[in-house]
C-alpha atoms as a PDB file:
ATOM      1  CA  UNK A   1       0.000   0.000   0.000  1.00  0.00           C
ATOM      2  CA  UNK A   2       2.822   2.363   0.937  1.00  0.00           C
ATOM      3  CA  UNK A   3       4.630   1.590  -2.325  1.00  0.00           C
ATOM      4  CA  UNK A   4       1.390   2.237  -4.247  1.00  0.00           C
ATOM      5  CA  UNK A   5       0.973   5.644  -2.521  1.00  0.00           C
ATOM      6  CA  UNK A   6       4.576   6.549  -3.366  1.00  0.00           C
ATOM      7  CA  UNK A   7       4.062   5.470  -6.969  1.00  0.00           C
ATOM      8  CA  UNK A   8       0.865   7.496  -7.244  1.00  0.00           C
ATOM      9  CA  UNK A   9       2.666  10.465  -5.697  1.00  0.00           C
ATOM     10  CA  UNK A  10       5.445  10.214  -8.269  1.00  0.00           C
ATOM     11  CA  UNK A  11       2.906  10.014 -11.087  1.00  0.00           C
ATOM     12  CA  UNK A  12       1.076  13.078  -9.722  1.00  0.00           C
ATOM     13  CA  UNK A  13       4.359  14.993  -9.350  1.00  0.00           C
ATOM     14  CA  UNK A  14       5.274  14.039 -12.891  1.00  0.00           C
ATOM     15  CA  UNK A  15       1.953  15.327 -14.207  1.00  0.00           C
ATOM     16  CA  UNK A  16       2.452  18.636 -12.412  1.00  0.00           C
ATOM     17  CA  UNK A  17       5.994  18.856 -13.705  1.00  0.00           C
ATOM     18  CA  UNK A  18       4.703  18.347 -17.230  1.00  0.00           C
ATOM     19  CA  UNK A  19       1.974  20.939 -16.693  1.00  0.00           C
ATOM     20  CA  UNK A  20       4.238  23.801 -15.574  1.00  0.00           C
ATOM     21  CA  UNK A  21       6.054  24.263 -18.917  1.00  0.00           C
ATOM     22  CA  UNK A  22       2.640  24.386 -20.622  1.00  0.00           C
ATOM     23  CA  UNK A  23       1.527  27.239 -18.331  1.00  0.00           C
ATOM     24  CA  UNK A  24       4.772  29.107 -18.971  1.00  0.00           C
ATOM     25  CA  UNK A  25       4.493  28.665 -22.738  1.00  0.00           C
ATOM     26  CA  UNK A  26       0.868  29.793 -22.648  1.00  0.00           C
ATOM     27  CA  UNK A  27       1.897  32.887 -20.699  1.00  0.00           C
ATOM     28  CA  UNK A  28       4.647  33.669 -23.183  1.00  0.00           C
ATOM     29  CA  UNK A  29       2.115  33.505 -26.041  1.00  0.00           C
ATOM     30  CA  UNK A  30      -0.256  35.867 -24.194  1.00  0.00           C
ATOM     31  CA  UNK A  31      -2.301  37.603 -25.456  1.00  0.00           C
ATOM     32  CA  UNK A  32      -3.835  35.501 -28.221  1.00  0.00           C
ATOM     33  CA  UNK A  33      -7.159  37.407 -28.262  1.00  0.00           C
ATOM     34  CA  UNK A  34      -8.439  40.879 -27.281  1.00  0.00           C
ATOM     35  CA  UNK A  35      -8.106  42.029 -23.658  1.00  0.00           C
ATOM     36  CA  UNK A  36     -10.931  43.820 -21.832  1.00  0.00           C
ATOM     37  CA  UNK A  37      -9.550  46.935 -20.112  1.00  0.00           C
ATOM     38  CA  UNK A  38     -12.305  47.927 -17.662  1.00  0.00           C
ATOM     39  CA  UNK A  39     -12.700  51.583 -16.661  1.00  0.00           C
ATOM     40  CA  UNK A  40     -15.209  52.316 -13.891  1.00  0.00           C
ATOM     41  CA  UNK A  41     -16.226  55.685 -15.356  1.00  0.00           C
ATOM     42  CA  UNK A  42     -17.692  57.060 -18.606  1.00  0.00           C
ATOM     43  CA  UNK A  43     -15.527  58.114 -21.523  1.00  0.00           C
ATOM     44  CA  UNK A  44     -13.784  61.478 -21.231  1.00  0.00           C
ATOM     45  CA  UNK A  45     -12.530  61.505 -17.649  1.00  0.00           C
ATOM     46  CA  UNK A  46      -8.995  61.056 -16.328  1.00  0.00           C
ATOM     47  CA  UNK A  47      -9.287  57.270 -15.957  1.00  0.00           C
ATOM     48  CA  UNK A  48     -10.585  56.901 -19.508  1.00  0.00           C
ATOM     49  CA  UNK A  49      -7.892  59.196 -20.951  1.00  0.00           C
ATOM     50  CA  UNK A  50      -5.115  57.183 -19.289  1.00  0.00           C
ATOM     51  CA  UNK A  51      -6.606  53.807 -20.180  1.00  0.00           C
ATOM     52  CA  UNK A  52      -6.905  54.728 -23.859  1.00  0.00           C
ATOM     53  CA  UNK A  53      -3.387  56.172 -23.975  1.00  0.00           C
ATOM     54  CA  UNK A  54      -1.739  53.098 -22.422  1.00  0.00           C
ATOM     55  CA  UNK A  55      -4.158  50.606 -23.971  1.00  0.00           C
ATOM     56  CA  UNK A  56      -3.456  51.806 -27.510  1.00  0.00           C
ATOM     57  CA  UNK A  57       0.301  51.297 -27.127  1.00  0.00           C
ATOM     58  CA  UNK A  58      -0.179  47.875 -25.523  1.00  0.00           C
ATOM     59  CA  UNK A  59      -2.375  46.901 -28.477  1.00  0.00           C
ATOM     60  CA  UNK A  60       0.359  47.952 -30.877  1.00  0.00           C
ATOM     61  CA  UNK A  61       3.157  46.254 -28.937  1.00  0.00           C
ATOM     62  CA  UNK A  62       1.375  42.966 -28.201  1.00  0.00           C
ATOM     63  CA  UNK A  63      -0.598  42.566 -31.419  1.00  0.00           C
ATOM     64  CA  UNK A  64      -4.005  42.216 -29.737  1.00  0.00           C
ATOM     65  CA  UNK A  65      -6.540  44.930 -28.969  1.00  0.00           C
ATOM     66  CA  UNK A  66      -6.869  46.217 -25.412  1.00  0.00           C
ATOM     67  CA  UNK A  67     -10.534  47.142 -25.662  1.00  0.00           C
ATOM     68  CA  UNK A  68     -11.611  49.912 -23.280  1.00  0.00           C
ATOM     69  CA  UNK A  69     -14.852  48.907 -21.572  1.00  0.00           C
ATOM     70  CA  UNK A  70     -16.459  51.785 -19.675  1.00  0.00           C
ATOM     71  CA  UNK A  71     -18.593  50.443 -16.797  1.00  0.00           C
ATOM     72  CA  UNK A  72     -19.618  53.472 -14.710  1.00  0.00           C
ATOM     73  CA  UNK A  73     -21.655  53.395 -11.527  1.00  0.00           C
ATOM     74  CA  UNK A  74     -21.515  53.007  -7.748  1.00  0.00           C
ATOM     75  CA  UNK A  75     -18.412  55.160  -7.405  1.00  0.00           C
ATOM     76  CA  UNK A  76     -16.274  52.833  -9.577  1.00  0.00           C
ATOM     77  CA  UNK A  77     -17.403  49.690  -7.734  1.00  0.00           C
ATOM     78  CA  UNK A  78     -19.342  48.192 -10.664  1.00  0.00           C
ATOM     79  CA  UNK A  79     -16.260  48.206 -12.879  1.00  0.00           C
ATOM     80  CA  UNK A  80     -14.030  46.892 -10.112  1.00  0.00           C
ATOM     81  CA  UNK A  81     -16.401  44.058  -9.214  1.00  0.00           C
ATOM     82  CA  UNK A  82     -16.569  43.074 -12.890  1.00  0.00           C
ATOM     83  CA  UNK A  83     -12.815  42.472 -12.839  1.00  0.00           C
ATOM     84  CA  UNK A  84     -12.813  40.803  -9.414  1.00  0.00           C
ATOM     85  CA  UNK A  85     -15.340  38.236 -10.716  1.00  0.00           C
ATOM     86  CA  UNK A  86     -13.671  37.750 -14.111  1.00  0.00           C
ATOM     87  CA  UNK A  87     -11.643  34.677 -15.023  1.00  0.00           C
ATOM     88  CA  UNK A  88      -8.052  35.213 -13.826  1.00  0.00           C
ATOM     89  CA  UNK A  89      -6.575  34.566 -17.263  1.00  0.00           C
ATOM     90  CA  UNK A  90      -5.176  37.999 -18.129  1.00  0.00           C
ATOM     91  CA  UNK A  91      -7.991  38.847 -20.526  1.00  0.00           C
ATOM     92  CA  UNK A  92      -9.792  41.207 -18.125  1.00  0.00           C
ATOM     93  CA  UNK A  93      -7.825  43.992 -16.435  1.00  0.00           C
ATOM     94  CA  UNK A  94      -8.752  47.083 -14.431  1.00  0.00           C
ATOM     95  CA  UNK A  95      -7.800  50.736 -14.610  1.00  0.00           C
ATOM     96  CA  UNK A  96      -6.848  51.186 -10.951  1.00  0.00           C
ATOM     97  CA  UNK A  97      -7.687  54.649  -9.657  1.00  0.00           C
ATOM     98  CA  UNK A  98      -8.050  56.509  -6.336  1.00  0.00           C
ATOM     99  CA  UNK A  99     -11.647  55.376  -5.783  1.00  0.00           C
ATOM    100  CA  UNK A 100     -10.341  51.830  -5.330  1.00  0.00           C
ATOM    101  CA  UNK A 101      -8.289  52.939  -2.324  1.00  0.00           C
ATOM    102  CA  UNK A 102     -11.034  55.151  -0.877  1.00  0.00           C
ATOM    103  CA  UNK A 103     -13.967  52.771  -1.244  1.00  0.00           C
ATOM    104  CA  UNK A 104     -12.405  50.198   1.064  1.00  0.00           C
ATOM    105  CA  UNK A 105     -13.347  52.396   4.035  1.00  0.00           C
ATOM    106  CA  UNK A 106     -16.048  54.609   2.486  1.00  0.00           C
ATOM    107  CA  UNK A 107     -18.496  51.838   1.531  1.00  0.00           C
ATOM    108  CA  UNK A 108     -19.976  49.611   4.225  1.00  0.00           C
ATOM    109  CA  UNK A 109     -21.295  46.746   2.051  1.00  0.00           C
ATOM    110  CA  UNK A 110     -18.810  45.958  -0.710  1.00  0.00           C
ATOM    111  CA  UNK A 111     -18.867  42.499  -2.286  1.00  0.00           C
ATOM    112  CA  UNK A 112     -15.075  42.485  -2.573  1.00  0.00           C
ATOM    113  CA  UNK A 113     -11.907  43.583  -0.808  1.00  0.00           C
ATOM    114  CA  UNK A 114      -9.779  45.510  -3.299  1.00  0.00           C
ATOM    115  CA  UNK A 115      -6.401  44.890  -1.648  1.00  0.00           C
ATOM    116  CA  UNK A 116      -7.179  41.177  -1.275  1.00  0.00           C
ATOM    117  CA  UNK A 117      -8.963  40.526  -4.580  1.00  0.00           C
ATOM    118  CA  UNK A 118      -7.000  42.530  -7.167  1.00  0.00           C
ATOM    119  CA  UNK A 119      -3.412  41.735  -8.148  1.00  0.00           C
ATOM    120  CA  UNK A 120      -1.259  44.831  -8.734  1.00  0.00           C
ATOM    121  CA  UNK A 121       0.144  44.799 -12.277  1.00  0.00           C
ATOM    122  CA  UNK A 122       1.814  48.170 -12.857  1.00  0.00           C
ATOM    123  CA  UNK A 123       1.614  51.798 -11.797  1.00  0.00           C
ATOM    124  CA  UNK A 124       0.998  54.455 -14.445  1.00  0.00           C
ATOM    125  CA  UNK A 125       1.138  57.924 -12.918  1.00  0.00           C
ATOM    126  CA  UNK A 126       0.440  60.014  -9.817  1.00  0.00           C
ATOM    127  CA  UNK A 127      -1.201  63.395 -10.406  1.00  0.00           C
ATOM    128  CA  UNK A 128      -2.614  66.259  -8.368  1.00  0.00           C
ATOM    129  CA  UNK A 129      -6.255  67.169  -8.335  1.00  0.00           C
ATOM    130  CA  UNK A 130      -7.022  70.753  -9.324  1.00  0.00           C
ATOM    131  CA  UNK A 131      -9.395  72.953  -7.340  1.00  0.00           C
ATOM    132  CA  UNK A 132     -11.250  74.546 -10.248  1.00  0.00           C
ATOM    133  CA  UNK A 133     -14.175  76.994 -10.297  1.00  0.00           C
ATOM    134  CA  UNK A 134     -16.673  78.108 -12.907  1.00  0.00           C
ATOM    135  CA  UNK A 135     -15.880  81.422 -14.568  1.00  0.00           C
ATOM    136  CA  UNK A 136     -18.940  83.016 -12.936  1.00  0.00           C
ATOM    137  CA  UNK A 137     -17.464  82.458  -9.447  1.00  0.00           C
ATOM    138  CA  UNK A 138     -15.860  85.770  -8.415  1.00  0.00           C
ATOM    139  CA  UNK A 139     -13.141  84.241  -6.191  1.00  0.00           C
ATOM    140  CA  UNK A 140      -9.587  84.347  -7.547  1.00  0.00           C
ATOM    141  CA  UNK A 141      -7.826  82.705  -4.594  1.00  0.00           C
ATOM    142  CA  UNK A 142      -8.554  79.890  -2.133  1.00  0.00           C
ATOM    143  CA  UNK A 143      -9.014  82.416   0.676  1.00  0.00           C
ATOM    144  CA  UNK A 144     -11.475  84.425  -1.420  1.00  0.00           C
ATOM    145  CA  UNK A 145     -13.358  81.246  -2.305  1.00  0.00           C
ATOM    146  CA  UNK A 146     -13.715  80.248   1.342  1.00  0.00           C
ATOM    147  CA  UNK A 147     -15.068  83.710   2.137  1.00  0.00           C
ATOM    148  CA  UNK A 148     -17.445  83.504  -0.847  1.00  0.00           C
ATOM    149  CA  UNK A 149     -18.854  80.130   0.267  1.00  0.00           C
ATOM    150  CA  UNK A 150     -19.365  81.311   3.827  1.00  0.00           C
ATOM    151  CA  UNK A 151     -21.101  84.477   2.574  1.00  0.00           C
ATOM    152  CA  UNK A 152     -23.432  82.416   0.355  1.00  0.00           C
ATOM    153  CA  UNK A 153     -24.619  79.462   2.467  1.00  0.00           C
ATOM    154  CA  UNK A 154     -26.431  76.782   0.502  1.00  0.00           C
ATOM    155  CA  UNK A 155     -25.657  78.374  -2.867  1.00  0.00           C
ATOM    156  CA  UNK A 156     -22.311  76.778  -3.818  1.00  0.00           C
ATOM    157  CA  UNK A 157     -22.335  73.262  -5.291  1.00  0.00           C
ATOM    158  CA  UNK A 158     -19.331  70.942  -5.146  1.00  0.00           C
ATOM    159  CA  UNK A 159     -19.211  68.645  -8.184  1.00  0.00           C
ATOM    160  CA  UNK A 160     -17.466  65.273  -8.228  1.00  0.00           C
ATOM    161  CA  UNK A 161     -17.059  62.309 -10.551  1.00  0.00           C
ATOM    162  CA  UNK A 162     -18.961  60.120  -8.084  1.00  0.00           C
ATOM    163  CA  UNK A 163     -19.230  59.180  -4.434  1.00  0.00           C
ATOM    164  CA  UNK A 164     -15.954  57.849  -3.116  1.00  0.00           C
ATOM    165  CA  UNK A 165     -13.680  59.251  -5.819  1.00  0.00           C
ATOM    166  CA  UNK A 166     -10.590  61.277  -4.936  1.00  0.00           C
ATOM    167  CA  UNK A 167     -12.429  64.186  -6.574  1.00  0.00           C
ATOM    168  CA  UNK A 168     -15.167  63.783  -3.946  1.00  0.00           C
ATOM    169  CA  UNK A 169     -12.861  63.155  -0.985  1.00  0.00           C
ATOM    170  CA  UNK A 170     -10.546  66.041  -1.896  1.00  0.00           C
ATOM    171  CA  UNK A 171     -13.575  68.329  -1.675  1.00  0.00           C
ATOM    172  CA  UNK A 172     -14.796  66.763   1.564  1.00  0.00           C
ATOM    173  CA  UNK A 173     -11.362  67.227   3.104  1.00  0.00           C
ATOM    174  CA  UNK A 174     -11.371  70.855   1.963  1.00  0.00           C
ATOM    175  CA  UNK A 175     -14.754  71.452   3.594  1.00  0.00           C
ATOM    176  CA  UNK A 176     -13.672  69.752   6.815  1.00  0.00           C
ATOM    177  CA  UNK A 177     -10.436  71.749   7.071  1.00  0.00           C
ATOM    178  CA  UNK A 178     -11.780  75.134   5.900  1.00  0.00           C
ATOM    179  CA  UNK A 179     -15.262  75.187   7.422  1.00  0.00           C
ATOM    180  CA  UNK A 180     -16.661  76.162   4.003  1.00  0.00           C
ATOM    181  CA  UNK A 181     -19.763  73.967   3.639  1.00  0.00           C
ATOM    182  CA  UNK A 182     -21.061  73.135   0.157  1.00  0.00           C
ATOM    183  CA  UNK A 183     -23.640  70.800  -1.347  1.00  0.00           C
ATOM    184  CA  UNK A 184     -21.972  67.758  -2.886  1.00  0.00           C
ATOM    185  CA  UNK A 185     -23.340  66.877  -6.344  1.00  0.00           C
ATOM    186  CA  UNK A 186     -21.982  63.506  -7.579  1.00  0.00           C
ATOM    187  CA  UNK A 187     -21.923  62.680 -11.302  1.00  0.00           C
ATOM    188  CA  UNK A 188     -21.284  59.471 -13.209  1.00  0.00           C
ATOM    189  CA  UNK A 189     -17.784  60.549 -14.171  1.00  0.00           C
ATOM    190  CA  UNK A 190     -15.764  63.724 -14.664  1.00  0.00           C
ATOM    191  CA  UNK A 191     -17.019  64.557 -18.171  1.00  0.00           C
ATOM    192  CA  UNK A 192     -20.662  65.287 -17.245  1.00  0.00           C
ATOM    193  CA  UNK A 193     -19.501  67.136 -14.124  1.00  0.00           C
ATOM    194  CA  UNK A 194     -17.282  69.397 -16.228  1.00  0.00           C
ATOM    195  CA  UNK A 195     -20.150  70.001 -18.664  1.00  0.00           C
ATOM    196  CA  UNK A 196     -22.247  71.341 -15.800  1.00  0.00           C
ATOM    197  CA  UNK A 197     -19.272  73.336 -14.519  1.00  0.00           C
ATOM    198  CA  UNK A 198     -19.061  75.058 -17.888  1.00  0.00           C
ATOM    199  CA  UNK A 199     -22.768  75.919 -17.566  1.00  0.00           C
ATOM    200  CA  UNK A 200     -22.363  77.170 -13.971  1.00  0.00           C
ATOM    201  CA  UNK A 201     -24.861  74.599 -12.678  1.00  0.00           C
ATOM    202  CA  UNK A 202     -22.134  73.571 -10.226  1.00  0.00           C
ATOM    203  CA  UNK A 203     -19.433  75.947  -9.048  1.00  0.00           C
ATOM    204  CA  UNK A 204     -16.330  74.011  -7.964  1.00  0.00           C
ATOM    205  CA  UNK A 205     -14.643  70.664  -8.576  1.00  0.00           C
ATOM    206  CA  UNK A 206     -11.421  69.086  -7.286  1.00  0.00           C
ATOM    207  CA  UNK A 207     -10.867  67.157 -10.496  1.00  0.00           C
ATOM    208  CA  UNK A 208      -7.962  64.964 -11.579  1.00  0.00           C
ATOM    209  CA  UNK A 209      -5.573  67.058 -13.637  1.00  0.00           C
ATOM    210  CA  UNK A 210      -5.714  64.950 -16.848  1.00  0.00           C
ATOM    211  CA  UNK A 211      -9.416  65.618 -17.426  1.00  0.00           C
ATOM    212  CA  UNK A 212      -9.490  69.290 -16.319  1.00  0.00           C
ATOM    213  CA  UNK A 213      -6.198  70.812 -17.429  1.00  0.00           C
ATOM    214  CA  UNK A 214      -7.178  71.647 -21.020  1.00  0.00           C
ATOM    215  CA  UNK A 215     -10.279  73.481 -19.798  1.00  0.00           C
ATOM    216  CA  UNK A 216      -8.047  75.481 -17.455  1.00  0.00           C
ATOM    217  CA  UNK A 217      -5.432  76.201 -20.124  1.00  0.00           C
ATOM    218  CA  UNK A 218      -8.154  77.235 -22.558  1.00  0.00           C
ATOM    219  CA  UNK A 219      -9.681  79.664 -20.068  1.00  0.00           C
ATOM    220  CA  UNK A 220     -13.088  77.974 -19.866  1.00  0.00           C
ATOM    221  CA  UNK A 221     -12.561  77.252 -16.154  1.00  0.00           C
ATOM    222  CA  UNK A 222     -10.342  78.852 -13.496  1.00  0.00           C
ATOM    223  CA  UNK A 223      -7.842  76.900 -11.356  1.00  0.00           C
ATOM    224  CA  UNK A 224      -7.482  78.190  -7.809  1.00  0.00           C
ATOM    225  CA  UNK A 225      -5.072  75.562  -6.449  1.00  0.00           C
ATOM    226  CA  UNK A 226      -3.563  72.103  -6.792  1.00  0.00           C
ATOM    227  CA  UNK A 227      -4.020  69.502  -4.066  1.00  0.00           C
ATOM    228  CA  UNK A 228      -0.476  68.130  -3.806  1.00  0.00           C
ATOM    229  CA  UNK A 229       2.068  69.321  -1.251  1.00  0.00           C
ATOM    230  CA  UNK A 230       4.150  70.949  -4.009  1.00  0.00           C
ATOM    231  CA  UNK A 231       3.101  73.066  -6.974  1.00  0.00           C
ATOM    232  CA  UNK A 232       2.697  71.288 -10.317  1.00  0.00           C
ATOM    233  CA  UNK A 233       5.150  71.994 -13.165  1.00  0.00           C
ATOM    234  CA  UNK A 234       2.129  71.925 -15.489  1.00  0.00           C
ATOM    235  CA  UNK A 235       0.469  74.800 -13.627  1.00  0.00           C
ATOM    236  CA  UNK A 236       3.455  76.546 -12.031  1.00  0.00           C
ATOM    237  CA  UNK A 237       1.574  79.759 -11.257  1.00  0.00           C
ATOM    238  CA  UNK A 238      -1.230  77.945  -9.464  1.00  0.00           C
ATOM    239  CA  UNK A 239      -0.619  77.677  -5.691  1.00  0.00           C
ATOM    240  CA  UNK A 240      -1.269  74.619  -3.530  1.00  0.00           C
ATOM    241  CA  UNK A 241      -4.306  74.399  -1.275  1.00  0.00           C
ATOM    242  CA  UNK A 242      -1.832  73.937   1.584  1.00  0.00           C
ATOM    243  CA  UNK A 243      -0.498  77.453   1.050  1.00  0.00           C
ATOM    244  CA  UNK A 244      -3.847  78.603   2.436  1.00  0.00           C
ATOM    245  CA  UNK A 245      -4.862  75.557   4.507  1.00  0.00           C
ATOM    246  CA  UNK A 246      -1.687  74.139   6.116  1.00  0.00           C
ATOM    247  CA  UNK A 247      -1.551  70.336   6.105  1.00  0.00           C
ATOM    248  CA  UNK A 248      -3.939  69.799   3.216  1.00  0.00           C
ATOM    249  CA  UNK A 249      -2.703  67.156   0.699  1.00  0.00           C
ATOM    250  CA  UNK A 250      -4.324  64.811  -1.805  1.00  0.00           C
ATOM    251  CA  UNK A 251      -3.143  63.152  -5.020  1.00  0.00           C
ATOM    252  CA  UNK A 252      -4.393  60.565  -7.483  1.00  0.00           C
ATOM    253  CA  UNK A 253      -2.544  57.293  -8.196  1.00  0.00           C
ATOM    254  CA  UNK A 254      -3.416  55.334 -11.361  1.00  0.00           C
ATOM    255  CA  UNK A 255      -2.328  51.940 -12.669  1.00  0.00           C
ATOM    256  CA  UNK A 256      -3.469  48.497 -13.821  1.00  0.00           C
ATOM    257  CA  UNK A 257      -4.787  45.587 -11.778  1.00  0.00           C
ATOM    258  CA  UNK A 258      -6.030  42.069 -12.576  1.00  0.00           C
ATOM    259  CA  UNK A 259      -8.014  39.333 -10.795  1.00  0.00           C
ATOM    260  CA  UNK A 260      -5.952  38.054  -7.880  1.00  0.00           C
ATOM    261  CA  UNK A 261      -5.241  34.560  -9.295  1.00  0.00           C
ATOM    262  CA  UNK A 262      -3.956  35.800 -12.643  1.00  0.00           C
ATOM    263  CA  UNK A 263      -0.783  33.795 -13.440  1.00  0.00           C
ATOM    264  CA  UNK A 264       2.352  35.632 -12.308  1.00  0.00           C
ATOM    265  CA  UNK A 265       3.909  35.080 -15.750  1.00  0.00           C
ATOM    266  CA  UNK A 266       1.115  37.152 -17.306  1.00  0.00           C
ATOM    267  CA  UNK A 267       1.305  39.819 -14.598  1.00  0.00           C
ATOM    268  CA  UNK A 268       5.052  40.013 -15.175  1.00  0.00           C
ATOM    269  CA  UNK A 269       4.678  40.279 -18.947  1.00  0.00           C
ATOM    270  CA  UNK A 270       2.100  43.057 -18.652  1.00  0.00           C
ATOM    271  CA  UNK A 271       4.301  44.869 -16.142  1.00  0.00           C
ATOM    272  CA  UNK A 272       7.321  44.741 -18.448  1.00  0.00           C
ATOM    273  CA  UNK A 273       5.284  45.935 -21.435  1.00  0.00           C
ATOM    274  CA  UNK A 274       3.635  48.766 -19.490  1.00  0.00           C
ATOM    275  CA  UNK A 275       6.963  49.929 -18.091  1.00  0.00           C
ATOM    276  CA  UNK A 276       8.387  49.911 -21.626  1.00  0.00           C
ATOM    277  CA  UNK A 277       5.436  52.022 -22.798  1.00  0.00           C
ATOM    278  CA  UNK A 278       5.905  54.482 -19.909  1.00  0.00           C
ATOM    279  CA  UNK A 279       9.579  54.865 -20.869  1.00  0.00           C
ATOM    280  CA  UNK A 280       8.762  55.853 -24.454  1.00  0.00           C
ATOM    281  CA  UNK A 281       9.580  59.564 -24.936  1.00  0.00           C
ATOM    282  CA  UNK A 282       6.249  60.433 -26.547  1.00  0.00           C
ATOM    283  CA  UNK A 283       4.203  58.634 -23.893  1.00  0.00           C
ATOM    284  CA  UNK A 284       6.302  60.130 -21.097  1.00  0.00           C
ATOM    285  CA  UNK A 285       5.828  63.587 -22.605  1.00  0.00           C
ATOM    286  CA  UNK A 286       2.061  63.084 -22.858  1.00  0.00           C
ATOM    287  CA  UNK A 287       1.778  61.888 -19.251  1.00  0.00           C
ATOM    288  CA  UNK A 288       3.764  64.893 -18.060  1.00  0.00           C
ATOM    289  CA  UNK A 289       1.415  67.113 -20.056  1.00  0.00           C
ATOM    290  CA  UNK A 290      -1.454  65.463 -18.219  1.00  0.00           C
ATOM    291  CA  UNK A 291       0.052  66.471 -14.896  1.00  0.00           C
ATOM    292  CA  UNK A 292       2.458  63.857 -13.565  1.00  0.00           C
ATOM    293  CA  UNK A 293       5.577  61.856 -14.321  1.00  0.00           C
ATOM    294  CA  UNK A 294       5.415  58.145 -15.249  1.00  0.00           C
ATOM    295  CA  UNK A 295       5.789  55.677 -12.376  1.00  0.00           C
ATOM    296  CA  UNK A 296       7.938  52.744 -13.515  1.00  0.00           C
ATOM    297  CA  UNK A 297       7.788  50.038 -10.853  1.00  0.00           C
ATOM    298  CA  UNK A 298       7.516  46.287 -10.268  1.00  0.00           C
ATOM    299  CA  UNK A 299       4.123  44.791  -9.324  1.00  0.00           C
ATOM    300  CA  UNK A 300       5.270  44.466  -5.707  1.00  0.00           C
ATOM    301  CA  UNK A 301       6.157  48.163  -5.546  1.00  0.00           C
ATOM    302  CA  UNK A 302       2.771  49.114  -6.990  1.00  0.00           C
ATOM    303  CA  UNK A 303       1.175  46.852  -4.390  1.00  0.00           C
ATOM    304  CA  UNK A 304       2.965  48.768  -1.637  1.00  0.00           C
ATOM    305  CA  UNK A 305       1.671  52.045  -3.108  1.00  0.00           C
ATOM    306  CA  UNK A 306      -1.873  50.649  -3.124  1.00  0.00           C
ATOM    307  CA  UNK A 307      -1.614  49.650   0.536  1.00  0.00           C
ATOM    308  CA  UNK A 308      -0.256  53.070   1.533  1.00  0.00           C
ATOM    309  CA  UNK A 309      -2.969  54.908  -0.434  1.00  0.00           C
ATOM    310  CA  UNK A 310      -5.706  52.758   1.097  1.00  0.00           C
ATOM    311  CA  UNK A 311      -4.458  53.543   4.590  1.00  0.00           C
ATOM    312  CA  UNK A 312      -4.137  57.289   3.806  1.00  0.00           C
ATOM    313  CA  UNK A 313      -7.650  57.628   2.421  1.00  0.00           C
ATOM    314  CA  UNK A 314      -9.109  55.655   5.317  1.00  0.00           C
ATOM    315  CA  UNK A 315      -7.865  58.438   7.587  1.00  0.00           C
ATOM    316  CA  UNK A 316      -9.481  61.049   5.309  1.00  0.00           C
ATOM    317  CA  UNK A 317     -12.814  59.197   5.310  1.00  0.00           C
ATOM    318  CA  UNK A 318     -12.776  59.060   9.096  1.00  0.00           C
ATOM    319  CA  UNK A 319     -11.677  62.711   9.301  1.00  0.00           C
ATOM    320  CA  UNK A 320     -14.539  63.793   7.052  1.00  0.00           C
ATOM    321  CA  UNK A 321     -16.986  61.466   8.843  1.00  0.00           C
ATOM    322  CA  UNK A 322     -18.663  60.112   5.711  1.00  0.00           C
ATOM    323  CA  UNK A 323     -20.034  56.684   4.777  1.00  0.00           C
ATOM    324  CA  UNK A 324     -21.851  55.307   1.768  1.00  0.00           C
ATOM    325  CA  UNK A 325     -24.235  52.338   2.057  1.00  0.00           C
END
């Protein structure tokens, strides 16, 4: 009996040994069909802009289309859950964005745990949000805006790209630290929020730089401040919020994730390809134009960034005292 168990064990080991080269070869051939690149917001916002920029180059480099699939709703959770539940075969990936880090503590009834259920693939970029007002708002500085809000209670609307986004939380943190109370108006993405900003139906947004910067440069909207600790090279004359409200800081980290059991060979291949794309002069230039420098890092390093961001935003959620059911 013992000899039979040993023999069966050797046969099983041999089968596994034969299987491993097949997995590796399959991973090396990846992708052999189009890849779904899920974005939890509508077309036109910062997440969509970045996904299309990186996805197009991956399509060209790997010979298969990275098809952008916009799945807005529930503050990015619908798109994220789609990827969490997808087959872990490398053919469904996620545009990781700040809402993923925030929602872990903001939402009380999620069907997934982002840190546990999504494998970090590669970082893309970290950018500031931009405190931007409609042209009809008379304030030209953060201090003037605070005074304007306090002088007009109930009349100033804070737009965001959805509950739980960094756009939302940046505004909540501003209200908590300044005492300037506004009505939060969530949208299904940055694009419709900006449309209403242009029409003065909402008055201020703390939007991600990639989706707002052209409106600022073109003069359609007015930037009052950036949310990072340092000024942005893309808007060098625009001060930081912290220059008026000491200690204020927020930024937006973007990257790619995949279902947690995606083979490491595929994760590694995607990471290498993405890092090669980020190093391309034209892509690097475009990302800098959008507000931040490329982040070239291993999956493990991106995972550490995700953990740190999740912990940071948990403190902001508690500080602001907000929850979403």
